[in-house]
C-alpha atoms as a PDB file:
ATOM      1  CA  UNK A   1     109.903 125.806 109.054  1.00  0.00           C
ATOM      2  CA  UNK A   2     108.958 122.293 107.898  1.00  0.00           C
ATOM      3  CA  UNK A   3     106.977 120.211 110.370  1.00  0.00           C
ATOM      4  CA  UNK A   4     107.476 116.461 110.755  1.00  0.00           C
ATOM      5  CA  UNK A   5     104.490 115.559 108.558  1.00  0.00           C
ATOM      6  CA  UNK A   6     105.688 117.856 105.754  1.00  0.00           C
ATOM      7  CA  UNK A   7     109.215 116.489 106.003  1.00  0.00           C
ATOM      8  CA  UNK A   8     107.906 112.921 105.757  1.00  0.00           C
ATOM      9  CA  UNK A   9     105.765 113.864 102.757  1.00  0.00           C
ATOM     10  CA  UNK A  10     108.743 115.447 101.015  1.00  0.00           C
ATOM     11  CA  UNK A  11     110.929 112.411 101.698  1.00  0.00           C
ATOM     12  CA  UNK A  12     108.304 109.986 100.382  1.00  0.00           C
ATOM     13  CA  UNK A  13     107.584 112.187  97.364  1.00  0.00           C
ATOM     14  CA  UNK A  14     111.281 112.360  96.526  1.00  0.00           C
ATOM     15  CA  UNK A  15     111.636 108.576  96.808  1.00  0.00           C
ATOM     16  CA  UNK A  16     108.594 108.111  94.603  1.00  0.00           C
ATOM     17  CA  UNK A  17     109.895 110.533  92.021  1.00  0.00           C
ATOM     18  CA  UNK A  18     113.250 108.776  92.077  1.00  0.00           C
ATOM     19  CA  UNK A  19     111.562 105.401  91.704  1.00  0.00           C
ATOM     20  CA  UNK A  20     109.513 106.739  88.817  1.00  0.00           C
ATOM     21  CA  UNK A  21     112.611 108.018  87.066  1.00  0.00           C
ATOM     22  CA  UNK A  22     111.437 111.620  87.300  1.00  0.00           C
ATOM     23  CA  UNK A  23     114.289 112.469  89.625  1.00  0.00           C
ATOM     24  CA  UNK A  24     117.661 110.916  88.871  1.00  0.00           C
ATOM     25  CA  UNK A  25     120.094 109.786  91.551  1.00  0.00           C
ATOM     26  CA  UNK A  26     122.185 112.889  90.835  1.00  0.00           C
ATOM     27  CA  UNK A  27     119.203 115.113  91.665  1.00  0.00           C
ATOM     28  CA  UNK A  28     118.469 113.559  95.052  1.00  0.00           C
ATOM     29  CA  UNK A  29     119.455 115.292  98.234  1.00  0.00           C
ATOM     30  CA  UNK A  30     122.336 113.440  99.964  1.00  0.00           C
ATOM     31  CA  UNK A  31     120.159 111.943 102.722  1.00  0.00           C
ATOM     32  CA  UNK A  32     117.596 110.536 100.267  1.00  0.00           C
ATOM     33  CA  UNK A  33     120.323 109.287  97.936  1.00  0.00           C
ATOM     34  CA  UNK A  34     121.972 107.454 100.855  1.00  0.00           C
ATOM     35  CA  UNK A  35     118.608 105.981 101.858  1.00  0.00           C
ATOM     36  CA  UNK A  36     117.906 104.668  98.332  1.00  0.00           C
ATOM     37  CA  UNK A  37     121.429 103.255  98.103  1.00  0.00           C
ATOM     38  CA  UNK A  38     120.950 101.509 101.457  1.00  0.00           C
ATOM     39  CA  UNK A  39     117.722  99.891 100.220  1.00  0.00           C
ATOM     40  CA  UNK A  40     119.384  98.756  97.000  1.00  0.00           C
ATOM     41  CA  UNK A  41     122.277  97.090  98.841  1.00  0.00           C
ATOM     42  CA  UNK A  42     119.988  94.645 100.621  1.00  0.00           C
ATOM     43  CA  UNK A  43     118.602  91.338  99.361  1.00  0.00           C
ATOM     44  CA  UNK A  44     117.082  91.426  95.880  1.00  0.00           C
ATOM     45  CA  UNK A  45     114.627  88.575  96.388  1.00  0.00           C
ATOM     46  CA  UNK A  46     112.171  87.335  98.967  1.00  0.00           C
ATOM     47  CA  UNK A  47     111.790  83.657  99.861  1.00  0.00           C
ATOM     48  CA  UNK A  48     108.050  83.289  99.359  1.00  0.00           C
ATOM     49  CA  UNK A  49     107.970  79.482  99.605  1.00  0.00           C
ATOM     50  CA  UNK A  50     106.063  79.686 102.902  1.00  0.00           C
ATOM     51  CA  UNK A  51     103.550  82.229 101.587  1.00  0.00           C
ATOM     52  CA  UNK A  52     100.107  81.248 100.230  1.00  0.00           C
ATOM     53  CA  UNK A  53     100.084  80.203  96.553  1.00  0.00           C
ATOM     54  CA  UNK A  54      98.223  83.351  95.503  1.00  0.00           C
ATOM     55  CA  UNK A  55     100.812  85.592  97.156  1.00  0.00           C
ATOM     56  CA  UNK A  56     103.585  83.575  95.491  1.00  0.00           C
ATOM     57  CA  UNK A  57     101.896  84.274  92.156  1.00  0.00           C
ATOM     58  CA  UNK A  58     101.568  87.973  93.039  1.00  0.00           C
ATOM     59  CA  UNK A  59     105.296  88.008  93.872  1.00  0.00           C
ATOM     60  CA  UNK A  60     106.040  86.897  90.302  1.00  0.00           C
ATOM     61  CA  UNK A  61     104.040  89.856  88.950  1.00  0.00           C
ATOM     62  CA  UNK A  62     105.840  92.177  91.386  1.00  0.00           C
ATOM     63  CA  UNK A  63     109.250  90.838  90.353  1.00  0.00           C
ATOM     64  CA  UNK A  64     108.533  90.997  86.626  1.00  0.00           C
ATOM     65  CA  UNK A  65     106.936  94.452  86.551  1.00  0.00           C
ATOM     66  CA  UNK A  66     109.008  96.286  89.148  1.00  0.00           C
ATOM     67  CA  UNK A  67     112.395  95.044  87.924  1.00  0.00           C
ATOM     68  CA  UNK A  68     111.757  96.802  84.598  1.00  0.00           C
ATOM     69  CA  UNK A  69     112.518 100.176  86.159  1.00  0.00           C
ATOM     70  CA  UNK A  70     114.610  99.660  89.300  1.00  0.00           C
ATOM     71  CA  UNK A  71     116.293  97.023  91.400  1.00  0.00           C
ATOM     72  CA  UNK A  72     113.860  94.831  93.318  1.00  0.00           C
ATOM     73  CA  UNK A  73     115.987  95.383  96.374  1.00  0.00           C
ATOM     74  CA  UNK A  74     114.655  98.956  96.540  1.00  0.00           C
ATOM     75  CA  UNK A  75     111.054  98.091  97.494  1.00  0.00           C
ATOM     76  CA  UNK A  76     112.030  94.847  99.245  1.00  0.00           C
ATOM     77  CA  UNK A  77     114.339  96.660 101.671  1.00  0.00           C
ATOM     78  CA  UNK A  78     112.524  99.973 101.848  1.00  0.00           C
ATOM     79  CA  UNK A  79     111.116 101.320 105.076  1.00  0.00           C
ATOM     80  CA  UNK A  80     107.612 101.228 103.625  1.00  0.00           C
ATOM     81  CA  UNK A  81     105.369  98.840 105.537  1.00  0.00           C
ATOM     82  CA  UNK A  82     101.904 100.374 105.837  1.00  0.00           C
ATOM     83  CA  UNK A  83      99.261  99.599 103.203  1.00  0.00           C
ATOM     84  CA  UNK A  84      98.904 103.310 102.409  1.00  0.00           C
ATOM     85  CA  UNK A  85     102.677 103.588 101.847  1.00  0.00           C
ATOM     86  CA  UNK A  86     102.468 100.807  99.274  1.00  0.00           C
ATOM     87  CA  UNK A  87      99.303 102.150  97.679  1.00  0.00           C
ATOM     88  CA  UNK A  88     100.883 105.553  97.028  1.00  0.00           C
ATOM     89  CA  UNK A  89     104.128 104.027  95.776  1.00  0.00           C
ATOM     90  CA  UNK A  90     102.402 101.613  93.386  1.00  0.00           C
ATOM     91  CA  UNK A  91     100.096 104.289  91.982  1.00  0.00           C
ATOM     92  CA  UNK A  92     103.134 106.432  91.262  1.00  0.00           C
ATOM     93  CA  UNK A  93     104.884 103.546  89.520  1.00  0.00           C
ATOM     94  CA  UNK A  94     101.780 102.737  87.435  1.00  0.00           C
ATOM     95  CA  UNK A  95     101.936 106.122  85.777  1.00  0.00           C
ATOM     96  CA  UNK A  96     105.602 105.920  84.915  1.00  0.00           C
ATOM     97  CA  UNK A  97     105.919 105.779  81.128  1.00  0.00           C
ATOM     98  CA  UNK A  98     106.644 102.239  80.003  1.00  0.00           C
ATOM     99  CA  UNK A  99     105.876 100.612  83.369  1.00  0.00           C
ATOM    100  CA  UNK A 100     103.231  98.397  81.832  1.00  0.00           C
ATOM    101  CA  UNK A 101     101.558  98.074  85.228  1.00  0.00           C
ATOM    102  CA  UNK A 102      97.827  97.595  84.680  1.00  0.00           C
ATOM    103  CA  UNK A 103      95.200  98.012  87.364  1.00  0.00           C
ATOM    104  CA  UNK A 104      95.139  94.236  87.836  1.00  0.00           C
ATOM    105  CA  UNK A 105      98.933  94.106  88.129  1.00  0.00           C
ATOM    106  CA  UNK A 106      98.871  96.952  90.646  1.00  0.00           C
ATOM    107  CA  UNK A 107      96.378  95.037  92.819  1.00  0.00           C
ATOM    108  CA  UNK A 108      98.603  91.941  92.784  1.00  0.00           C
ATOM    109  CA  UNK A 109     101.710  93.996  93.573  1.00  0.00           C
ATOM    110  CA  UNK A 110      99.864  95.756  96.401  1.00  0.00           C
ATOM    111  CA  UNK A 111      98.631  92.461  97.847  1.00  0.00           C
ATOM    112  CA  UNK A 112     102.127  90.984  97.746  1.00  0.00           C
ATOM    113  CA  UNK A 113     103.762  94.016  99.358  1.00  0.00           C
ATOM    114  CA  UNK A 114     101.110  94.375 102.076  1.00  0.00           C
ATOM    115  CA  UNK A 115     101.204  90.645 102.860  1.00  0.00           C
ATOM    116  CA  UNK A 116     105.010  90.567 102.820  1.00  0.00           C
ATOM    117  CA  UNK A 117     105.177  93.585 105.128  1.00  0.00           C
ATOM    118  CA  UNK A 118     102.817  91.845 107.557  1.00  0.00           C
ATOM    119  CA  UNK A 119     105.153  88.840 107.704  1.00  0.00           C
ATOM    120  CA  UNK A 120     108.728  89.750 106.854  1.00  0.00           C
ATOM    121  CA  UNK A 121     108.605  93.366 108.064  1.00  0.00           C
ATOM    122  CA  UNK A 122     106.330  92.704 111.051  1.00  0.00           C
ATOM    123  CA  UNK A 123     108.420  94.640 113.587  1.00  0.00           C
ATOM    124  CA  UNK A 124     108.691  97.656 111.259  1.00  0.00           C
ATOM    125  CA  UNK A 125     104.970  97.460 110.533  1.00  0.00           C
ATOM    126  CA  UNK A 126     104.121  97.251 114.238  1.00  0.00           C
ATOM    127  CA  UNK A 127     106.347 100.242 114.973  1.00  0.00           C
ATOM    128  CA  UNK A 128     104.709 102.302 112.234  1.00  0.00           C
ATOM    129  CA  UNK A 129     101.232 101.298 113.365  1.00  0.00           C
ATOM    130  CA  UNK A 130     102.004 102.418 116.934  1.00  0.00           C
ATOM    131  CA  UNK A 131     102.932 105.868 115.656  1.00  0.00           C
ATOM    132  CA  UNK A 132      99.477 106.389 114.107  1.00  0.00           C
ATOM    133  CA  UNK A 133      96.332 107.770 115.673  1.00  0.00           C
ATOM    134  CA  UNK A 134      93.888 105.068 116.824  1.00  0.00           C
ATOM    135  CA  UNK A 135      91.630 105.729 113.825  1.00  0.00           C
ATOM    136  CA  UNK A 136      94.450 105.559 111.286  1.00  0.00           C
ATOM    137  CA  UNK A 137      95.858 102.504 113.018  1.00  0.00           C
ATOM    138  CA  UNK A 138      92.496 100.721 112.734  1.00  0.00           C
ATOM    139  CA  UNK A 139      92.161 101.678 109.066  1.00  0.00           C
ATOM    140  CA  UNK A 140      95.626 100.304 108.221  1.00  0.00           C
ATOM    141  CA  UNK A 141      95.005  97.097 110.189  1.00  0.00           C
ATOM    142  CA  UNK A 142      91.705  96.601 108.352  1.00  0.00           C
ATOM    143  CA  UNK A 143      93.485  96.868 104.997  1.00  0.00           C
ATOM    144  CA  UNK A 144      96.080  94.296 106.098  1.00  0.00           C
ATOM    145  CA  UNK A 145      93.363  91.934 107.322  1.00  0.00           C
ATOM    146  CA  UNK A 146      91.501  92.268 104.006  1.00  0.00           C
ATOM    147  CA  UNK A 147      94.607  91.254 102.061  1.00  0.00           C
ATOM    148  CA  UNK A 148      95.429  88.340 104.372  1.00  0.00           C
ATOM    149  CA  UNK A 149      91.821  87.095 104.267  1.00  0.00           C
ATOM    150  CA  UNK A 150      91.851  86.988 100.433  1.00  0.00           C
ATOM    151  CA  UNK A 151      94.670  84.443 100.497  1.00  0.00           C
ATOM    152  CA  UNK A 152      93.502  82.040 103.216  1.00  0.00           C
END
């Protein structure tokens, strides 16, 4: 029997493998395939005009690098919101052959996605934070605060 934590891990791992091109859409289980398709049907851009200049610059790196392998709508509309979600996803994408994502690019992409989640996905982020233990919640909030503070 798969517990909730294992099921979540498997779902995230499958999405990451799909995003990395290691699992094709035909190889996804129906639920994951539907989830990816739902993400890809949403908006393909983010209006960053109200974001700090540094985050706007990071968005350009995100858009340029991530669009090489998949639709930008996938990460933009995903249900990832926690810093650790983004960290795992970006690391996986970095190692995809041909991604061209350097360590510096990954940091900029991470900062954009964490900042964007704290603004545009605030209700999702808050919901996910509430589901964590107090210690994990504090650790995730600290990571968000570190990103936000870099761009003030």
